[in-house]
C-alpha atoms as a PDB file:
ATOM      1  CA  MET A   1     111.468 142.775  94.994  1.00  0.00           C
ATOM      2  CA  PHE A   2     107.864 143.198  94.849  1.00  0.00           C
ATOM      3  CA  ARG A   3     107.765 141.844  91.403  1.00  0.00           C
ATOM      4  CA  TRP A   4     109.264 138.607  92.666  1.00  0.00           C
ATOM      5  CA  ILE A   5     106.877 138.442  95.466  1.00  0.00           C
ATOM      6  CA  ARG A   6     103.913 138.807  93.170  1.00  0.00           C
ATOM      7  CA  ARG A   7     105.343 136.059  90.854  1.00  0.00           C
ATOM      8  CA  LEU A   8     105.705 133.737  93.878  1.00  0.00           C
ATOM      9  CA  ILE A   9     102.126 134.409  94.923  1.00  0.00           C
ATOM     10  CA  VAL A  10     100.907 133.838  91.328  1.00  0.00           C
ATOM     11  CA  TRP A  11     102.757 130.559  90.959  1.00  0.00           C
ATOM     12  CA  GLY A  12     101.743 129.513  94.449  1.00  0.00           C
ATOM     13  CA  LEU A  13      98.009 130.079  93.666  1.00  0.00           C
ATOM     14  CA  PHE A  14      98.420 128.321  90.210  1.00  0.00           C
ATOM     15  CA  GLY A  15      99.975 125.403  92.178  1.00  0.00           C
ATOM     16  CA  LEU A  16      97.081 125.253  94.630  1.00  0.00           C
ATOM     17  CA  PHE A  17      94.513 125.346  91.839  1.00  0.00           C
ATOM     18  CA  LEU A  18      96.188 122.382  90.090  1.00  0.00           C
ATOM     19  CA  PHE A  19      96.271 120.490  93.365  1.00  0.00           C
ATOM     20  CA  ALA A  20      92.623 121.109  93.980  1.00  0.00           C
ATOM     21  CA  ILE A  21      91.809 119.790  90.400  1.00  0.00           C
ATOM     22  CA  ALA A  22      93.923 116.743  90.832  1.00  0.00           C
ATOM     23  CA  ALA A  23      92.232 116.077  94.238  1.00  0.00           C
ATOM     24  CA  VAL A  24      88.698 116.527  93.002  1.00  0.00           C
ATOM     25  CA  TYR A  25      89.479 114.204  89.835  1.00  0.00           C
ATOM     26  CA  SER A  26      90.940 111.446  91.995  1.00  0.00           C
ATOM     27  CA  HIS A  27      88.111 111.612  94.492  1.00  0.00           C
ATOM     28  CA  LYS A  28      85.532 111.207  91.679  1.00  0.00           C
ATOM     29  CA  HIS A  29      87.248 108.716  89.676  1.00  0.00           C
ATOM     30  CA  ILE A  30      87.758 106.332  92.571  1.00  0.00           C
ATOM     31  CA  ALA A  31      84.082 106.767  93.788  1.00  0.00           C
ATOM     32  CA  LYS A  32      82.845 105.940  90.199  1.00  0.00           C
ATOM     33  CA  GLU A  33      85.067 103.008  89.841  1.00  0.00           C
ATOM     34  CA  ALA A  34      83.924 101.450  93.245  1.00  0.00           C
ATOM     35  CA  ALA A  35      80.273 102.374  92.979  1.00  0.00           C
ATOM     36  CA  HIS A  36      78.913  99.050  91.656  1.00  0.00           C
ATOM     37  CA  PHE A  37      80.685  96.980  94.346  1.00  0.00           C
ATOM     38  CA  LEU A  38      79.386  98.898  97.565  1.00  0.00           C
ATOM     39  CA  PHE A  39      76.704  97.423  99.679  1.00  0.00           C
ATOM     40  CA  ASP A  40      74.893  98.900 102.755  1.00  0.00           C
ATOM     41  CA  SER A  41      72.926  95.749 103.504  1.00  0.00           C
ATOM     42  CA  VAL A  42      74.546  92.484 104.485  1.00  0.00           C
ATOM     43  CA  ASP A  43      71.474  90.595 103.050  1.00  0.00           C
ATOM     44  CA  SER A  44      72.303  91.923  99.528  1.00  0.00           C
ATOM     45  CA  ILE A  45      76.081  91.467  99.383  1.00  0.00           C
ATOM     46  CA  PRO A  46      77.300  88.196  97.755  1.00  0.00           C
ATOM     47  CA  SER A  47      78.949  85.549 100.024  1.00  0.00           C
ATOM     48  CA  CYS A  48      82.482  85.151 100.364  1.00  0.00           C
ATOM     49  CA  LYS A  49      84.844  83.063 102.178  1.00  0.00           C
ATOM     50  CA  THR A  50      86.737  85.929 103.785  1.00  0.00           C
ATOM     51  CA  ALA A  51      86.302  89.468 104.861  1.00  0.00           C
ATOM     52  CA  LEU A  52      88.963  91.944 105.420  1.00  0.00           C
ATOM     53  CA  VAL A  53      88.260  94.435 108.246  1.00  0.00           C
ATOM     54  CA  LEU A  54      90.279  97.552 107.960  1.00  0.00           C
ATOM     55  CA  GLY A  55      91.729  98.875 111.305  1.00  0.00           C
ATOM     56  CA  THR A  56      91.529 102.189 113.048  1.00  0.00           C
ATOM     57  CA  ALA A  57      92.134 103.143 116.593  1.00  0.00           C
ATOM     58  CA  ALA A  58      89.486 101.949 119.124  1.00  0.00           C
ATOM     59  CA  LYS A  59      89.666 105.291 120.998  1.00  0.00           C
ATOM     60  CA  THR A  60      90.027 108.836 119.945  1.00  0.00           C
ATOM     61  CA  ARG A  61      92.955 110.980 121.027  1.00  0.00           C
ATOM     62  CA  PHE A  62      90.850 112.154 123.973  1.00  0.00           C
ATOM     63  CA  GLY A  63      90.266 108.614 125.041  1.00  0.00           C
ATOM     64  CA  LEU A  64      86.499 108.476 123.956  1.00  0.00           C
ATOM     65  CA  GLU A  65      84.852 105.818 121.859  1.00  0.00           C
ATOM     66  CA  ASN A  66      85.863 105.956 118.195  1.00  0.00           C
ATOM     67  CA  TYR A  67      82.631 105.350 116.327  1.00  0.00           C
ATOM     68  CA  PHE A  68      84.490 104.534 113.059  1.00  0.00           C
ATOM     69  CA  PHE A  69      86.083 101.632 114.953  1.00  0.00           C
ATOM     70  CA  SER A  70      82.909 100.544 116.807  1.00  0.00           C
ATOM     71  CA  ASN A  71      80.747 100.772 113.675  1.00  0.00           C
ATOM     72  CA  ARG A  72      83.118  98.649 111.735  1.00  0.00           C
ATOM     73  CA  MET A  73      83.236  96.032 114.431  1.00  0.00           C
ATOM     74  CA  ALA A  74      79.339  95.909 114.491  1.00  0.00           C
ATOM     75  CA  LYS A  75      79.251  95.465 110.661  1.00  0.00           C
ATOM     76  CA  ALA A  76      81.853  92.801 110.653  1.00  0.00           C
ATOM     77  CA  ALA A  77      80.114  90.754 113.398  1.00  0.00           C
ATOM     78  CA  GLU A  78      76.851  91.116 111.502  1.00  0.00           C
ATOM     79  CA  LEU A  79      78.540  90.023 108.244  1.00  0.00           C
ATOM     80  CA  TYR A  80      79.874  86.862 110.214  1.00  0.00           C
ATOM     81  CA  HIS A  81      76.653  86.017 111.958  1.00  0.00           C
ATOM     82  CA  SER A  82      74.720  86.284 108.629  1.00  0.00           C
ATOM     83  CA  GLY A  83      76.780  83.407 107.356  1.00  0.00           C
ATOM     84  CA  LYS A  84      78.012  85.508 104.430  1.00  0.00           C
ATOM     85  CA  VAL A  85      81.594  84.932 105.529  1.00  0.00           C
ATOM     86  CA  LYS A  86      83.570  82.417 107.425  1.00  0.00           C
ATOM     87  CA  HIS A  87      86.771  84.150 108.321  1.00  0.00           C
ATOM     88  CA  LEU A  88      87.922  87.661 109.165  1.00  0.00           C
ATOM     89  CA  ILE A  89      91.168  89.201 108.437  1.00  0.00           C
ATOM     90  CA  LEU A  90      91.776  91.975 110.969  1.00  0.00           C
ATOM     91  CA  SER A  91      94.367  94.247 109.469  1.00  0.00           C
ATOM     92  CA  GLY A  92      95.903  97.138 111.259  1.00  0.00           C
ATOM     93  CA  ASP A  93      98.811  98.843 113.003  1.00  0.00           C
ATOM     94  CA  ASN A  94     100.837  97.799 116.093  1.00  0.00           C
ATOM     95  CA  HIS A  95     104.178  99.320 115.454  1.00  0.00           C
ATOM     96  CA  VAL A  96     103.984 101.451 118.675  1.00  0.00           C
ATOM     97  CA  LYS A  97     104.121  99.796 122.012  1.00  0.00           C
ATOM     98  CA  GLY A  98     100.630  99.848 123.776  1.00  0.00           C
ATOM     99  CA  TYR A  99      98.847 100.499 120.315  1.00  0.00           C
ATOM    100  CA  ASP A 100      97.559  97.365 118.738  1.00  0.00           C
ATOM    101  CA  GLU A 101      94.704  97.800 116.239  1.00  0.00           C
ATOM    102  CA  PRO A 102      94.379  94.080 115.270  1.00  0.00           C
ATOM    103  CA  GLU A 103      94.210  92.819 118.926  1.00  0.00           C
ATOM    104  CA  ASP A 104      91.669  95.572 119.716  1.00  0.00           C
ATOM    105  CA  MET A 105      89.583  94.329 116.908  1.00  0.00           C
ATOM    106  CA  ARG A 106      89.816  90.760 117.974  1.00  0.00           C
ATOM    107  CA  LEU A 107      88.753  91.661 121.465  1.00  0.00           C
ATOM    108  CA  ALA A 108      85.754  93.635 120.332  1.00  0.00           C
ATOM    109  CA  LEU A 109      84.579  91.043 117.726  1.00  0.00           C
ATOM    110  CA  ILE A 110      84.897  88.272 120.372  1.00  0.00           C
ATOM    111  CA  ALA A 111      82.632  90.376 122.752  1.00  0.00           C
ATOM    112  CA  LEU A 112      80.270  90.593 119.755  1.00  0.00           C
ATOM    113  CA  GLY A 113      80.029  86.789 119.603  1.00  0.00           C
ATOM    114  CA  VAL A 114      82.521  86.013 116.804  1.00  0.00           C
ATOM    115  CA  PRO A 115      84.661  82.832 117.434  1.00  0.00           C
ATOM    116  CA  ASP A 116      88.264  83.551 118.139  1.00  0.00           C
ATOM    117  CA  SER A 117      89.176  80.698 115.651  1.00  0.00           C
ATOM    118  CA  CYS A 118      87.610  82.641 112.733  1.00  0.00           C
ATOM    119  CA  LEU A 119      89.782  85.681 113.420  1.00  0.00           C
ATOM    120  CA  HIS A 120      93.119  86.125 111.593  1.00  0.00           C
ATOM    121  CA  LEU A 121      95.387  89.001 112.761  1.00  0.00           C
ATOM    122  CA  ASP A 122      97.480  91.067 110.235  1.00  0.00           C
ATOM    123  CA  TYR A 123      99.859  93.218 112.254  1.00  0.00           C
ATOM    124  CA  ALA A 124     101.456  94.740 109.274  1.00  0.00           C
ATOM    125  CA  GLY A 125      98.419  96.626 107.922  1.00  0.00           C
ATOM    126  CA  PHE A 126     100.253 100.040 108.146  1.00  0.00           C
ATOM    127  CA  ARG A 127      98.301 101.435 105.273  1.00  0.00           C
ATOM    128  CA  THR A 128      95.226 100.434 103.249  1.00  0.00           C
ATOM    129  CA  LEU A 129      97.500  99.363 100.466  1.00  0.00           C
ATOM    130  CA  ASP A 130      99.469  97.248 102.683  1.00  0.00           C
ATOM    131  CA  SER A 131      96.229  95.429 104.082  1.00  0.00           C
ATOM    132  CA  ILE A 132      94.911  94.821 100.554  1.00  0.00           C
ATOM    133  CA  VAL A 133      98.132  93.407  99.076  1.00  0.00           C
ATOM    134  CA  ARG A 134      98.910  91.425 102.272  1.00  0.00           C
ATOM    135  CA  ALA A 135      95.440  89.791 102.043  1.00  0.00           C
ATOM    136  CA  LYS A 136      96.218  88.494  98.594  1.00  0.00           C
ATOM    137  CA  GLU A 137     100.061  87.694  98.897  1.00  0.00           C
ATOM    138  CA  VAL A 138     100.321  86.725 102.674  1.00  0.00           C
ATOM    139  CA  PHE A 139      96.834  85.283 103.431  1.00  0.00           C
ATOM    140  CA  GLY A 140      96.265  83.847  99.895  1.00  0.00           C
ATOM    141  CA  GLN A 141      92.871  85.436  99.217  1.00  0.00           C
ATOM    142  CA  ASP A 142      91.782  86.456  95.642  1.00  0.00           C
ATOM    143  CA  GLU A 143      88.183  87.295  96.756  1.00  0.00           C
ATOM    144  CA  LEU A 144      87.233  89.516  99.708  1.00  0.00           C
ATOM    145  CA  ILE A 145      84.535  91.539 101.281  1.00  0.00           C
ATOM    146  CA  ILE A 146      85.975  94.756 102.693  1.00  0.00           C
ATOM    147  CA  VAL A 147      84.573  96.128 105.876  1.00  0.00           C
ATOM    148  CA  SER A 148      84.888  99.906 106.520  1.00  0.00           C
ATOM    149  CA  GLN A 149      83.062 103.187 106.074  1.00  0.00           C
ATOM    150  CA  GLN A 150      81.822 104.009 102.570  1.00  0.00           C
ATOM    151  CA  PHE A 151      84.517 106.659 101.907  1.00  0.00           C
ATOM    152  CA  HIS A 152      87.188 104.326 102.809  1.00  0.00           C
ATOM    153  CA  ASN A 153      85.799 101.254 101.057  1.00  0.00           C
ATOM    154  CA  GLU A 154      85.747 103.181  97.874  1.00  0.00           C
ATOM    155  CA  ARG A 155      89.572 103.742  97.985  1.00  0.00           C
ATOM    156  CA  ALA A 156      90.209 100.209  99.333  1.00  0.00           C
ATOM    157  CA  ILE A 157      88.079  98.626  96.361  1.00  0.00           C
ATOM    158  CA  TYR A 158      90.026 100.642  93.874  1.00  0.00           C
ATOM    159  CA  LEU A 159      93.323  99.536  95.333  1.00  0.00           C
ATOM    160  CA  ALA A 160      92.199  96.044  95.340  1.00  0.00           C
ATOM    161  CA  GLN A 161      90.918  95.859  91.885  1.00  0.00           C
ATOM    162  CA  GLN A 162      94.159  97.295  90.647  1.00  0.00           C
ATOM    163  CA  ASN A 163      96.045  94.505  92.381  1.00  0.00           C
ATOM    164  CA  GLY A 164      93.906  91.808  90.788  1.00  0.00           C
ATOM    165  CA  LEU A 165      91.421  91.066  93.511  1.00  0.00           C
ATOM    166  CA  LYS A 166      87.719  90.466  93.293  1.00  0.00           C
ATOM    167  CA  VAL A 167      86.174  92.525  95.963  1.00  0.00           C
ATOM    168  CA  TYR A 168      82.974  93.946  97.460  1.00  0.00           C
ATOM    169  CA  GLY A 169      82.558  96.513 100.212  1.00  0.00           C
ATOM    170  CA  ILE A 170      80.137  96.453 102.979  1.00  0.00           C
ATOM    171  CA  ASN A 171      79.633 100.009 104.415  1.00  0.00           C
ATOM    172  CA  ALA A 172      79.790 100.326 108.137  1.00  0.00           C
ATOM    173  CA  ALA A 173      77.597 103.182 109.521  1.00  0.00           C
ATOM    174  CA  ASP A 174      79.317 106.380 109.165  1.00  0.00           C
ATOM    175  CA  VAL A 175      79.767 108.903 112.241  1.00  0.00           C
ATOM    176  CA  PRO A 176      78.115 112.148 112.737  1.00  0.00           C
ATOM    177  CA  GLN A 177      79.262 114.691 110.149  1.00  0.00           C
ATOM    178  CA  TYR A 178      80.768 117.055 112.937  1.00  0.00           C
ATOM    179  CA  SER A 179      83.271 114.563 113.875  1.00  0.00           C
ATOM    180  CA  SER A 180      84.343 113.342 110.469  1.00  0.00           C
ATOM    181  CA  TYR A 181      85.324 116.524 108.709  1.00  0.00           C
ATOM    182  CA  PHE A 182      89.047 115.827 109.048  1.00  0.00           C
ATOM    183  CA  SER A 183      88.679 112.198 107.942  1.00  0.00           C
ATOM    184  CA  GLN A 184      86.822 113.344 104.789  1.00  0.00           C
ATOM    185  CA  PHE A 185      89.424 116.160 103.943  1.00  0.00           C
ATOM    186  CA  ARG A 186      92.307 113.420 104.536  1.00  0.00           C
ATOM    187  CA  GLU A 187      90.452 111.183 102.191  1.00  0.00           C
ATOM    188  CA  TYR A 188      90.744 113.595  99.349  1.00  0.00           C
ATOM    189  CA  LEU A 189      94.563 113.561  99.956  1.00  0.00           C
ATOM    190  CA  ALA A 190      94.623 109.757 100.339  1.00  0.00           C
ATOM    191  CA  ARG A 191      92.899 109.085  96.995  1.00  0.00           C
ATOM    192  CA  GLY A 192      95.435 111.297  95.008  1.00  0.00           C
ATOM    193  CA  LYS A 193      98.168 109.360  96.821  1.00  0.00           C
ATOM    194  CA  ALA A 194      96.404 106.004  95.751  1.00  0.00           C
ATOM    195  CA  LEU A 195      96.566 106.953  92.155  1.00  0.00           C
ATOM    196  CA  LEU A 196     100.193 107.961  92.493  1.00  0.00           C
ATOM    197  CA  ASP A 197     100.942 104.621  94.291  1.00  0.00           C
ATOM    198  CA  ILE A 198      99.263 102.508  91.638  1.00  0.00           C
ATOM    199  CA  HIS A 199     100.037 104.192  88.363  1.00  0.00           C
ATOM    200  CA  VAL A 200     103.247 106.098  89.063  1.00  0.00           C
ATOM    201  CA  LEU A 201     105.287 105.006  92.068  1.00  0.00           C
ATOM    202  CA  LYS A 202     104.231 101.295  92.055  1.00  0.00           C
ATOM    203  CA  THR A 203     104.255 101.268  95.698  1.00  0.00           C
ATOM    204  CA  GLN A 204     104.621  97.966  97.546  1.00  0.00           C
ATOM    205  CA  PRO A 205     103.806  96.988 101.140  1.00  0.00           C
ATOM    206  CA  HIS A 206     106.258  97.686 103.999  1.00  0.00           C
ATOM    207  CA  PHE A 207     106.348  93.969 104.769  1.00  0.00           C
ATOM    208  CA  LEU A 208     105.125  90.630 103.183  1.00  0.00           C
ATOM    209  CA  GLY A 209     106.744  87.632 104.986  1.00  0.00           C
ATOM    210  CA  GLU A 210     105.666  84.123 105.213  1.00  0.00           C
ATOM    211  CA  LYS A 211     102.383  82.932 104.015  1.00  0.00           C
ATOM    212  CA  ILE A 212      99.465  82.395 106.358  1.00  0.00           C
ATOM    213  CA  THR A 213      96.912  79.726 105.450  1.00  0.00           C
ATOM    214  CA  ILE A 214      93.271  80.268 106.109  1.00  0.00           C
ATOM    215  CA  GLY A 215      91.232  77.198 106.198  1.00  0.00           C
ATOM    216  CA  ASN A 216      87.853  76.393 104.593  1.00  0.00           C
END
């Protein structure tokens, strides 16, 4: 009995060790692949017709301001006002009644002076992969600037490049470290899943649908 328990413990620890190795590898690999396409300054990033703003909740679970959201909106507005882009695709989740990431982004950007006519809402951006593929297949964009925090941009750039898009990432300001530990841990898991989605599972978006034209 005790021998089987010891074996289970040994195999369990070995499995955790392999999982940790895979997580670290995927994290470093994706960061390396994206490194040359990331920018902190709007002034230095190449111009592009369209930016893809990746969604997140406008408020935390406690009803407080989500700085991941507000920092992304501030950077997206700065990008537009600089003249680097003409259009913004706002891609996020709205599958639950009363929760609408694209609309929250739209309202925040209008409040920051971005014209509503330049905003294109993607209501089926349930995951980063969905947002990326839909930007290409539904909105017809082959070149994009992606707006999010750096850790998220790295994964989004990797997914975009693997799907044949030319992309750059503009890094929104990160949040204080004490409030982002969970997000950083989740990113390790998400990067492993990204490699599986691209190279093993060949994962596709939940929905595609009719094409949406973005003007000049």
